[in-house]
Amino acid sequence: MARARINLNRFRKVYPQMSKSPRMFSAELRPYRVEFSNQMSKELQIDNFVSPVVVISGEDNLNVWVQSIVRSPNGINWTVTIEASTQITGTVHVHVGEAYLG
């Protein structure tokens, strides 16, 4: 019995020079420092970005993440909400860059 469909991906060869390049962001990063004092959530206002890329890291052994990135109604400012797993006291470093759209 003949097959109705053939999986063409089985026969595809992927060469390293033909693979897709990852999306990169610009080299200009703006650093911010956010201080938590017995808090679980903190907001940071950033401006002058079309589509920001936000990377955060805690100083000590802190579990933090970006909860949301929301553009304000004026279309220029952004509000970044940083959450923590528990109430923490410490410093979080935030690096913001522009996504490369080219």
Protein backbone atom coordinates (compact mmCIF):
# COMPACT_ATOMS: atom_id res chain seq x y z
CA MET A 1 0.00 0.00 0.00
CA ALA A 2 1.39 3.41 -0.98
CA ARG A 3 1.72 6.21 1.54
CA ALA A 4 -0.50 9.25 1.09
CA ARG A 5 1.95 11.64 2.78
CA ILE A 6 5.73 11.71 2.84
CA ASN A 7 7.68 13.48 5.57
CA LEU A 8 10.03 15.69 3.52
CA ASN A 9 11.90 16.81 6.66
CA ARG A 10 13.54 13.38 6.82
CA PHE A 11 15.40 14.14 3.60
CA ARG A 12 16.35 17.73 4.35
CA LYS A 13 20.03 18.42 4.99
CA VAL A 14 20.80 21.38 7.23
CA TYR A 15 24.15 22.99 6.50
CA PRO A 16 25.73 25.30 9.13
CA GLN A 17 26.15 28.23 6.72
CA MET A 18 22.49 27.94 5.66
CA SER A 19 20.93 27.99 9.12
CA LYS A 20 18.97 31.00 10.28
CA SER A 21 20.74 33.61 12.34
CA PRO A 22 19.34 34.47 15.77
CA ARG A 23 17.68 37.84 16.33
CA MET A 24 20.19 40.15 17.95
CA PHE A 25 19.77 43.30 19.99
CA SER A 26 21.92 46.39 19.80
CA ALA A 27 25.13 46.76 21.77
CA GLU A 28 23.88 49.85 23.62
CA LEU A 29 22.50 48.65 26.94
CA ARG A 30 21.17 50.94 29.63
CA PRO A 31 21.82 49.66 33.15
CA TYR A 32 19.41 50.27 36.00
CA ARG A 33 19.57 49.27 39.64
CA VAL A 34 16.36 48.45 41.53
CA GLU A 35 16.40 48.24 45.33
CA PHE A 36 13.97 45.86 47.03
CA SER A 37 13.27 46.38 50.72
CA ASN A 38 11.03 43.59 52.03
CA GLN A 39 8.95 43.66 48.81
CA MET A 40 7.78 41.10 46.25
CA SER A 41 7.16 43.46 43.33
CA LYS A 42 8.70 46.63 41.99
CA GLU A 43 8.04 48.79 38.92
CA LEU A 44 10.66 50.50 36.76
CA GLN A 45 9.97 53.29 34.26
CA ILE A 46 12.08 53.27 31.08
CA ASP A 47 11.80 55.49 28.01
CA ASN A 48 12.94 55.97 24.39
CA PHE A 49 12.61 52.35 23.24
CA VAL A 50 10.61 51.01 20.32
CA SER A 51 10.73 47.38 21.48
CA PRO A 52 12.86 46.85 24.59
CA VAL A 53 14.75 43.71 25.55
CA VAL A 54 14.98 43.44 29.36
CA VAL A 55 17.49 41.23 31.19
CA ILE A 56 17.58 41.12 35.01
CA SER A 57 19.81 39.47 37.58
CA GLY A 58 19.88 39.55 41.35
CA GLU A 59 22.98 40.20 43.41
CA ASP A 60 22.69 37.51 46.05
CA ASN A 61 20.78 34.28 45.54
CA LEU A 62 17.53 36.01 44.51
CA ASN A 63 14.80 34.48 42.37
CA VAL A 64 13.51 37.40 40.27
CA TRP A 65 11.84 37.67 36.87
CA VAL A 66 10.13 40.16 34.56
CA GLN A 67 6.40 39.94 35.18
CA SER A 68 5.28 42.39 32.50
CA ILE A 69 6.45 45.07 30.10
CA VAL A 70 3.68 47.55 29.31
CA ARG A 71 3.80 50.62 27.08
CA SER A 72 2.25 53.75 28.56
CA PRO A 73 -0.55 55.59 26.73
CA ASN A 74 1.84 58.33 25.54
CA GLY A 75 3.70 55.71 23.45
CA ILE A 76 7.19 56.64 24.69
CA ASN A 77 7.56 55.29 28.23
CA TRP A 78 7.51 51.65 29.29
CA THR A 79 6.67 50.17 32.70
CA VAL A 80 8.63 47.04 33.62
CA THR A 81 7.24 45.05 36.55
CA ILE A 82 9.80 42.89 38.37
CA GLU A 83 8.54 40.10 40.63
CA ALA A 84 10.28 37.99 43.25
CA SER A 85 9.38 34.58 44.63
CA THR A 86 9.26 35.86 48.23
CA GLN A 87 9.61 39.18 49.98
CA ILE A 88 13.25 40.10 49.51
CA THR A 89 15.68 42.80 50.55
CA GLY A 90 18.41 43.29 48.01
CA THR A 91 19.51 44.78 44.72
CA VAL A 92 18.42 43.73 41.24
CA HIS A 93 20.38 44.80 38.16
CA VAL A 94 18.33 45.53 35.05
CA HIS A 95 19.83 45.91 31.56
CA VAL A 96 17.61 47.26 28.81
CA GLY A 97 18.45 47.28 25.11
CA GLU A 98 16.67 47.92 21.84
CA ALA A 99 15.61 44.86 19.83
CA TYR A 100 17.22 44.76 16.42
CA LEU A 101 14.46 44.85 13.84
CA GLY A 102 16.57 44.67 10.68
